Amino acid sequence: MTREPEMTTTIANEFAVVTVDKVYTRNGERLEIASPRLGFRIQLDPLELESLSWQTKESFSRLLQDPFGPGH
């Protein structure tokens, strides 16, 4: 896996900090989203990213009700 040089973007506010990188894998380009403070990381392919645009604000509100999944 390789990263775009000098392409890391950090987005932060008083509640969260995330970094976003474009990475190249054997299966194509991915967008890697990471939470450095919490140690979470995910790589999303173009279809997975596009599917985010299909969601409503309410979908994300429901997700944030239990952000770390059941039992956490």
PDB file of N, CA and C in Angstrom:
ATOM      1  N   MET A   1       0.848  -1.171   0.000  1.00  0.00           N
ATOM      2  CA  MET A   1       0.000   0.000   0.000  1.00  0.00           C
ATOM      3  C   MET A   1       0.896   1.237   0.000  1.00  0.00           C
ATOM      4  N   THR A   2       0.567   2.170  -0.846  1.00  0.00           N
ATOM      5  CA  THR A   2       1.294   3.442  -0.877  1.00  0.00           C
ATOM      6  C   THR A   2       0.310   4.587  -0.665  1.00  0.00           C
ATOM      7  N   ARG A   3       0.842   5.698  -0.202  1.00  0.00           N
ATOM      8  CA  ARG A   3       0.034   6.891   0.062  1.00  0.00           C
ATOM      9  C   ARG A   3       0.425   8.002  -0.901  1.00  0.00           C
ATOM     10  N   GLU A   4      -0.521   8.888  -1.179  1.00  0.00           N
ATOM     11  CA  GLU A   4      -0.228  10.110  -1.936  1.00  0.00           C
ATOM     12  C   GLU A   4       0.696  10.959  -1.074  1.00  0.00           C
ATOM     13  N   PRO A   5       1.854  11.321  -1.561  1.00  0.00           N
ATOM     14  CA  PRO A   5       2.730  12.182  -0.749  1.00  0.00           C
ATOM     15  C   PRO A   5       2.097  13.550  -0.507  1.00  0.00           C
ATOM     16  N   GLU A   6       2.236  14.016   0.725  1.00  0.00           N
ATOM     17  CA  GLU A   6       1.762  15.357   1.096  1.00  0.00           C
ATOM     18  C   GLU A   6       0.255  15.532   0.916  1.00  0.00           C
ATOM     19  N   MET A   7      -0.508  14.441   0.952  1.00  0.00           N
ATOM     20  CA  MET A   7      -1.944  14.552   0.692  1.00  0.00           C
ATOM     21  C   MET A   7      -2.808  14.268   1.925  1.00  0.00           C
ATOM     22  N   THR A   8      -2.218  14.111   3.084  1.00  0.00           N
ATOM     23  CA  THR A   8      -3.019  13.876   4.280  1.00  0.00           C
ATOM     24  C   THR A   8      -3.781  15.146   4.648  1.00  0.00           C
ATOM     25  N   THR A   9      -5.057  14.980   4.885  1.00  0.00           N
ATOM     26  CA  THR A   9      -5.903  16.082   5.319  1.00  0.00           C
ATOM     27  C   THR A   9      -6.394  15.769   6.726  1.00  0.00           C
ATOM     28  N   THR A  10      -6.307  16.734   7.607  1.00  0.00           N
ATOM     29  CA  THR A  10      -6.818  16.583   8.967  1.00  0.00           C
ATOM     30  C   THR A  10      -8.028  17.483   9.138  1.00  0.00           C
ATOM     31  N   ILE A  11      -9.083  16.899   9.678  1.00  0.00           N
ATOM     32  CA  ILE A  11     -10.307  17.643   9.950  1.00  0.00           C
ATOM     33  C   ILE A  11     -10.602  17.461  11.435  1.00  0.00           C
ATOM     34  N   ALA A  12     -10.825  18.573  12.146  1.00  0.00           N
ATOM     35  CA  ALA A  12     -11.003  18.482  13.600  1.00  0.00           C
ATOM     36  C   ALA A  12     -11.973  19.537  14.096  1.00  0.00           C
ATOM     37  N   ASN A  13     -12.581  19.220  15.217  1.00  0.00           N
ATOM     38  CA  ASN A  13     -13.342  20.205  15.988  1.00  0.00           C
ATOM     39  C   ASN A  13     -13.182  19.838  17.453  1.00  0.00           C
ATOM     40  N   GLU A  14     -14.007  20.387  18.321  1.00  0.00           N
ATOM     41  CA  GLU A  14     -13.834  20.119  19.747  1.00  0.00           C
ATOM     42  C   GLU A  14     -14.216  18.695  20.137  1.00  0.00           C
ATOM     43  N   PHE A  15     -14.868  17.950  19.233  1.00  0.00           N
ATOM     44  CA  PHE A  15     -15.319  16.599  19.549  1.00  0.00           C
ATOM     45  C   PHE A  15     -14.498  15.487  18.901  1.00  0.00           C
ATOM     46  N   ALA A  16     -13.859  15.762  17.770  1.00  0.00           N
ATOM     47  CA  ALA A  16     -13.197  14.680  17.031  1.00  0.00           C
ATOM     48  C   ALA A  16     -12.054  15.211  16.172  1.00  0.00           C
ATOM     49  N   VAL A  17     -11.124  14.308  15.882  1.00  0.00           N
ATOM     50  CA  VAL A  17     -10.029  14.576  14.947  1.00  0.00           C
ATOM     51  C   VAL A  17      -9.944  13.378  14.008  1.00  0.00           C
ATOM     52  N   VAL A  18      -9.984  13.626  12.699  1.00  0.00           N
ATOM     53  CA  VAL A  18      -9.807  12.551  11.726  1.00  0.00           C
ATOM     54  C   VAL A  18      -8.787  12.983  10.677  1.00  0.00           C
ATOM     55  N   THR A  19      -8.095  11.983  10.126  1.00  0.00           N
ATOM     56  CA  THR A  19      -7.213  12.236   8.992  1.00  0.00           C
ATOM     57  C   THR A  19      -7.761  11.464   7.804  1.00  0.00           C
ATOM     58  N   VAL A  20      -7.548  12.013   6.622  1.00  0.00           N
ATOM     59  CA  VAL A  20      -8.026  11.400   5.389  1.00  0.00           C
ATOM     60  C   VAL A  20      -6.843  11.315   4.432  1.00  0.00           C
ATOM     61  N   ASP A  21      -6.607  10.113   3.899  1.00  0.00           N
ATOM     62  CA  ASP A  21      -5.513   9.879   2.954  1.00  0.00           C
ATOM     63  C   ASP A  21      -6.021   9.100   1.757  1.00  0.00           C
ATOM     64  N   LYS A  22      -5.497   9.387   0.598  1.00  0.00           N
ATOM     65  CA  LYS A  22      -5.734   8.568  -0.579  1.00  0.00           C
ATOM     66  C   LYS A  22      -4.621   7.529  -0.604  1.00  0.00           C
ATOM     67  N   VAL A  23      -4.990   6.242  -0.635  1.00  0.00           N
ATOM     68  CA  VAL A  23      -4.000   5.174  -0.633  1.00  0.00           C
ATOM     69  C   VAL A  23      -4.204   4.292  -1.856  1.00  0.00           C
ATOM     70  N   TYR A  24      -3.128   3.674  -2.276  1.00  0.00           N
ATOM     71  CA  TYR A  24      -3.161   2.766  -3.417  1.00  0.00           C
ATOM     72  C   TYR A  24      -2.896   1.354  -2.911  1.00  0.00           C
ATOM     73  N   THR A  25      -3.828   0.435  -3.192  1.00  0.00           N
ATOM     74  CA  THR A  25      -3.685  -0.958  -2.780  1.00  0.00           C
ATOM     75  C   THR A  25      -3.629  -1.832  -4.033  1.00  0.00           C
ATOM     76  N   ARG A  26      -3.401  -3.122  -3.836  1.00  0.00           N
ATOM     77  CA  ARG A  26      -3.410  -4.033  -4.984  1.00  0.00           C
ATOM     78  C   ARG A  26      -4.785  -4.090  -5.640  1.00  0.00           C
ATOM     79  N   ASN A  27      -5.815  -3.710  -4.901  1.00  0.00           N
ATOM     80  CA  ASN A  27      -7.182  -3.731  -5.429  1.00  0.00           C
ATOM     81  C   ASN A  27      -7.679  -2.365  -5.875  1.00  0.00           C
ATOM     82  N   GLY A  28      -6.774  -1.409  -6.028  1.00  0.00           N
ATOM     83  CA  GLY A  28      -7.157  -0.091  -6.508  1.00  0.00           C
ATOM     84  C   GLY A  28      -7.068   0.982  -5.433  1.00  0.00           C
ATOM     85  N   GLU A  29      -7.522   2.163  -5.798  1.00  0.00           N
ATOM     86  CA  GLU A  29      -7.462   3.311  -4.895  1.00  0.00           C
ATOM     87  C   GLU A  29      -8.510   3.183  -3.792  1.00  0.00           C
ATOM     88  N   ARG A  30      -8.143   3.674  -2.622  1.00  0.00           N
ATOM     89  CA  ARG A  30      -9.048   3.704  -1.483  1.00  0.00           C
ATOM     90  C   ARG A  30      -8.879   5.043  -0.776  1.00  0.00           C
ATOM     91  N   LEU A  31      -9.884   5.441  -0.048  1.00  0.00           N
ATOM     92  CA  LEU A  31      -9.774   6.592   0.839  1.00  0.00           C
ATOM     93  C   LEU A  31      -9.657   6.023   2.242  1.00  0.00           C
ATOM     94  N   GLU A  32      -8.578   6.366   2.919  1.00  0.00           N
ATOM     95  CA  GLU A  32      -8.383   5.885   4.287  1.00  0.00           C
ATOM     96  C   GLU A  32      -8.766   6.991   5.257  1.00  0.00           C
ATOM     97  N   ILE A  33      -9.696   6.679   6.143  1.00  0.00           N
ATOM     98  CA  ILE A  33     -10.154   7.616   7.163  1.00  0.00           C
ATOM     99  C   ILE A  33      -9.704   7.056   8.503  1.00  0.00           C
ATOM    100  N   ALA A  34      -9.009   7.876   9.282  1.00  0.00           N
ATOM    101  CA  ALA A  34      -8.462   7.403  10.551  1.00  0.00           C
ATOM    102  C   ALA A  34      -8.804   8.364  11.681  1.00  0.00           C
ATOM    103  N   SER A  35      -8.955   7.802  12.856  1.00  0.00           N
ATOM    104  CA  SER A  35      -9.143   8.572  14.082  1.00  0.00           C
ATOM    105  C   SER A  35      -7.899   8.350  14.938  1.00  0.00           C
ATOM    106  N   PRO A  36      -6.900   9.230  14.819  1.00  0.00           N
ATOM    107  CA  PRO A  36      -5.635   9.002  15.520  1.00  0.00           C
ATOM    108  C   PRO A  36      -5.784   8.900  17.041  1.00  0.00           C
ATOM    109  N   ARG A  37      -6.674   9.693  17.630  1.00  0.00           N
ATOM    110  CA  ARG A  37      -6.854   9.659  19.088  1.00  0.00           C
ATOM    111  C   ARG A  37      -7.428   8.333  19.563  1.00  0.00           C
ATOM    112  N   LEU A  38      -8.340   7.763  18.785  1.00  0.00           N
ATOM    113  CA  LEU A  38      -9.012   6.531  19.200  1.00  0.00           C
ATOM    114  C   LEU A  38      -8.384   5.270  18.608  1.00  0.00           C
ATOM    115  N   GLY A  39      -7.559   5.431  17.565  1.00  0.00           N
ATOM    116  CA  GLY A  39      -6.897   4.285  16.959  1.00  0.00           C
ATOM    117  C   GLY A  39      -7.743   3.505  15.967  1.00  0.00           C
ATOM    118  N   PHE A  40      -8.831   4.092  15.478  1.00  0.00           N
ATOM    119  CA  PHE A  40      -9.661   3.438  14.468  1.00  0.00           C
ATOM    120  C   PHE A  40      -9.218   3.873  13.080  1.00  0.00           C
ATOM    121  N   ARG A  41      -9.391   2.976  12.093  1.00  0.00           N
ATOM    122  CA  ARG A  41      -8.984   3.257  10.722  1.00  0.00           C
ATOM    123  C   ARG A  41      -9.836   2.400   9.787  1.00  0.00           C
ATOM    124  N   ILE A  42     -10.229   2.987   8.647  1.00  0.00           N
ATOM    125  CA  ILE A  42     -10.980   2.228   7.644  1.00  0.00           C
ATOM    126  C   ILE A  42     -10.559   2.696   6.264  1.00  0.00           C
ATOM    127  N   GLN A  43     -10.541   1.770   5.309  1.00  0.00           N
ATOM    128  CA  GLN A  43     -10.283   2.104   3.909  1.00  0.00           C
ATOM    129  C   GLN A  43     -11.552   1.823   3.125  1.00  0.00           C
ATOM    130  N   LEU A  44     -12.007   2.822   2.369  1.00  0.00           N
ATOM    131  CA  LEU A  44     -13.241   2.703   1.605  1.00  0.00           C
ATOM    132  C   LEU A  44     -12.948   2.810   0.116  1.00  0.00           C
ATOM    133  N   ASP A  45     -13.566   1.914  -0.673  1.00  0.00           N
ATOM    134  CA  ASP A  45     -13.401   1.981  -2.130  1.00  0.00           C
ATOM    135  C   ASP A  45     -14.423   2.965  -2.706  1.00  0.00           C
ATOM    136  N   PRO A  46     -14.336   3.264  -4.005  1.00  0.00           N
ATOM    137  CA  PRO A  46     -15.236   4.267  -4.583  1.00  0.00           C
ATOM    138  C   PRO A  46     -16.727   3.969  -4.388  1.00  0.00           C
ATOM    139  N   LEU A  47     -17.141   2.714  -4.523  1.00  0.00           N
ATOM    140  CA  LEU A  47     -18.561   2.401  -4.343  1.00  0.00           C
ATOM    141  C   LEU A  47     -18.993   2.613  -2.897  1.00  0.00           C
ATOM    142  N   GLU A  48     -18.148   2.235  -1.952  1.00  0.00           N
ATOM    143  CA  GLU A  48     -18.476   2.454  -0.544  1.00  0.00           C
ATOM    144  C   GLU A  48     -18.584   3.946  -0.239  1.00  0.00           C
ATOM    145  N   LEU A  49     -17.688   4.729  -0.820  1.00  0.00           N
ATOM    146  CA  LEU A  49     -17.755   6.181  -0.631  1.00  0.00           C
ATOM    147  C   LEU A  49     -19.007   6.766  -1.259  1.00  0.00           C
ATOM    148  N   GLU A  50     -19.319   6.311  -2.468  1.00  0.00           N
ATOM    149  CA  GLU A  50     -20.519   6.817  -3.133  1.00  0.00           C
ATOM    150  C   GLU A  50     -21.769   6.505  -2.314  1.00  0.00           C
ATOM    151  N   SER A  51     -21.794   5.314  -1.702  1.00  0.00           N
ATOM    152  CA  SER A  51     -22.975   4.937  -0.926  1.00  0.00           C
ATOM    153  C   SER A  51     -23.197   5.866   0.260  1.00  0.00           C
ATOM    154  N   LEU A  52     -22.147   6.525   0.752  1.00  0.00           N
ATOM    155  CA  LEU A  52     -22.329   7.507   1.820  1.00  0.00           C
ATOM    156  C   LEU A  52     -23.204   8.666   1.359  1.00  0.00           C
ATOM    157  N   SER A  53     -23.095   9.020   0.086  1.00  0.00           N
ATOM    158  CA  SER A  53     -23.877  10.152  -0.427  1.00  0.00           C
ATOM    159  C   SER A  53     -25.365   9.811  -0.547  1.00  0.00           C
ATOM    160  N   TRP A  54     -25.698   8.543  -0.491  1.00  0.00           N
ATOM    161  CA  TRP A  54     -27.102   8.135  -0.578  1.00  0.00           C
ATOM    162  C   TRP A  54     -27.811   8.232   0.764  1.00  0.00           C
ATOM    163  N   GLN A  55     -27.053   8.425   1.828  1.00  0.00           N
ATOM    164  CA  GLN A  55     -27.614   8.408   3.177  1.00  0.00           C
ATOM    165  C   GLN A  55     -28.226   9.757   3.537  1.00  0.00           C
ATOM    166  N   THR A  56     -29.167   9.706   4.454  1.00  0.00           N
ATOM    167  CA  THR A  56     -29.762  10.932   4.973  1.00  0.00           C
ATOM    168  C   THR A  56     -29.039  11.325   6.257  1.00  0.00           C
ATOM    169  N   LYS A  57     -29.232  12.544   6.685  1.00  0.00           N
ATOM    170  CA  LYS A  57     -28.673  12.990   7.964  1.00  0.00           C
ATOM    171  C   LYS A  57     -29.172  12.098   9.103  1.00  0.00           C
ATOM    172  N   GLU A  58     -30.409  11.645   9.010  1.00  0.00           N
ATOM    173  CA  GLU A  58     -30.983  10.791  10.048  1.00  0.00           C
ATOM    174  C   GLU A  58     -30.219   9.473  10.163  1.00  0.00           C
ATOM    175  N   SER A  59     -29.725   8.941   9.033  1.00  0.00           N
ATOM    176  CA  SER A  59     -28.941   7.699   9.067  1.00  0.00           C
ATOM    177  C   SER A  59     -27.702   7.880   9.930  1.00  0.00           C
ATOM    178  N   PHE A  60     -27.032   9.012   9.775  1.00  0.00           N
ATOM    179  CA  PHE A  60     -25.827   9.269  10.568  1.00  0.00           C
ATOM    180  C   PHE A  60     -26.177   9.540  12.025  1.00  0.00           C
ATOM    181  N   SER A  61     -27.295  10.180  12.273  1.00  0.00           N
ATOM    182  CA  SER A  61     -27.730  10.415  13.654  1.00  0.00           C
ATOM    183  C   SER A  61     -27.969   9.085  14.363  1.00  0.00           C
ATOM    184  N   ARG A  62     -28.596   8.129  13.678  1.00  0.00           N
ATOM    185  CA  ARG A  62     -28.825   6.805  14.277  1.00  0.00           C
ATOM    186  C   ARG A  62     -27.489   6.102  14.534  1.00  0.00           C
ATOM    187  N   LEU A  63     -26.559   6.227  13.622  1.00  0.00           N
ATOM    188  CA  LEU A  63     -25.242   5.610  13.789  1.00  0.00           C
ATOM    189  C   LEU A  63     -24.539   6.169  15.023  1.00  0.00           C
ATOM    190  N   LEU A  64     -24.643   7.468  15.241  1.00  0.00           N
ATOM    191  CA  LEU A  64     -23.958   8.111  16.352  1.00  0.00           C
ATOM    192  C   LEU A  64     -24.610   7.852  17.704  1.00  0.00           C
ATOM    193  N   GLN A  65     -25.806   7.296  17.723  1.00  0.00           N
ATOM    194  CA  GLN A  65     -26.434   6.941  18.993  1.00  0.00           C
ATOM    195  C   GLN A  65     -25.622   5.872  19.718  1.00  0.00           C
ATOM    196  N   ASP A  66     -24.970   4.987  18.952  1.00  0.00           N
ATOM    197  CA  ASP A  66     -24.121   3.930  19.506  1.00  0.00           C
ATOM    198  C   ASP A  66     -22.879   3.824  18.614  1.00  0.00           C
ATOM    199  N   PRO A  67     -21.985   4.822  18.651  1.00  0.00           N
ATOM    200  CA  PRO A  67     -20.922   4.938  17.669  1.00  0.00           C
ATOM    201  C   PRO A  67     -19.917   3.790  17.640  1.00  0.00           C
ATOM    202  N   PHE A  68     -19.744   3.068  18.741  1.00  0.00           N
ATOM    203  CA  PHE A  68     -18.760   1.990  18.764  1.00  0.00           C
ATOM    204  C   PHE A  68     -19.415   0.622  18.653  1.00  0.00           C
ATOM    205  N   GLY A  69     -20.704   0.582  18.340  1.00  0.00           N
ATOM    206  CA  GLY A  69     -21.402  -0.674  18.169  1.00  0.00           C
ATOM    207  C   GLY A  69     -21.992  -1.181  19.467  1.00  0.00           C
ATOM    208  N   PRO A  70     -22.858  -2.209  19.347  1.00  0.00           N
ATOM    209  CA  PRO A  70     -23.503  -2.758  20.535  1.00  0.00           C
ATOM    210  C   PRO A  70     -22.479  -3.330  21.504  1.00  0.00           C
ATOM    211  N   GLY A  71     -22.720  -3.114  22.783  1.00  0.00           N
ATOM    212  CA  GLY A  71     -21.853  -3.698  23.793  1.00  0.00           C
ATOM    213  C   GLY A  71     -20.623  -2.886  24.154  1.00  0.00           C
ATOM    214  N   HIS A  72     -20.446  -1.728  23.579  1.00  0.00           N
ATOM    215  CA  HIS A  72     -19.281  -0.900  23.914  1.00  0.00           C
ATOM    216  C   HIS A  72     -19.680   0.262  24.776  1.00  0.00           C
TER     217      HIS A  72
END
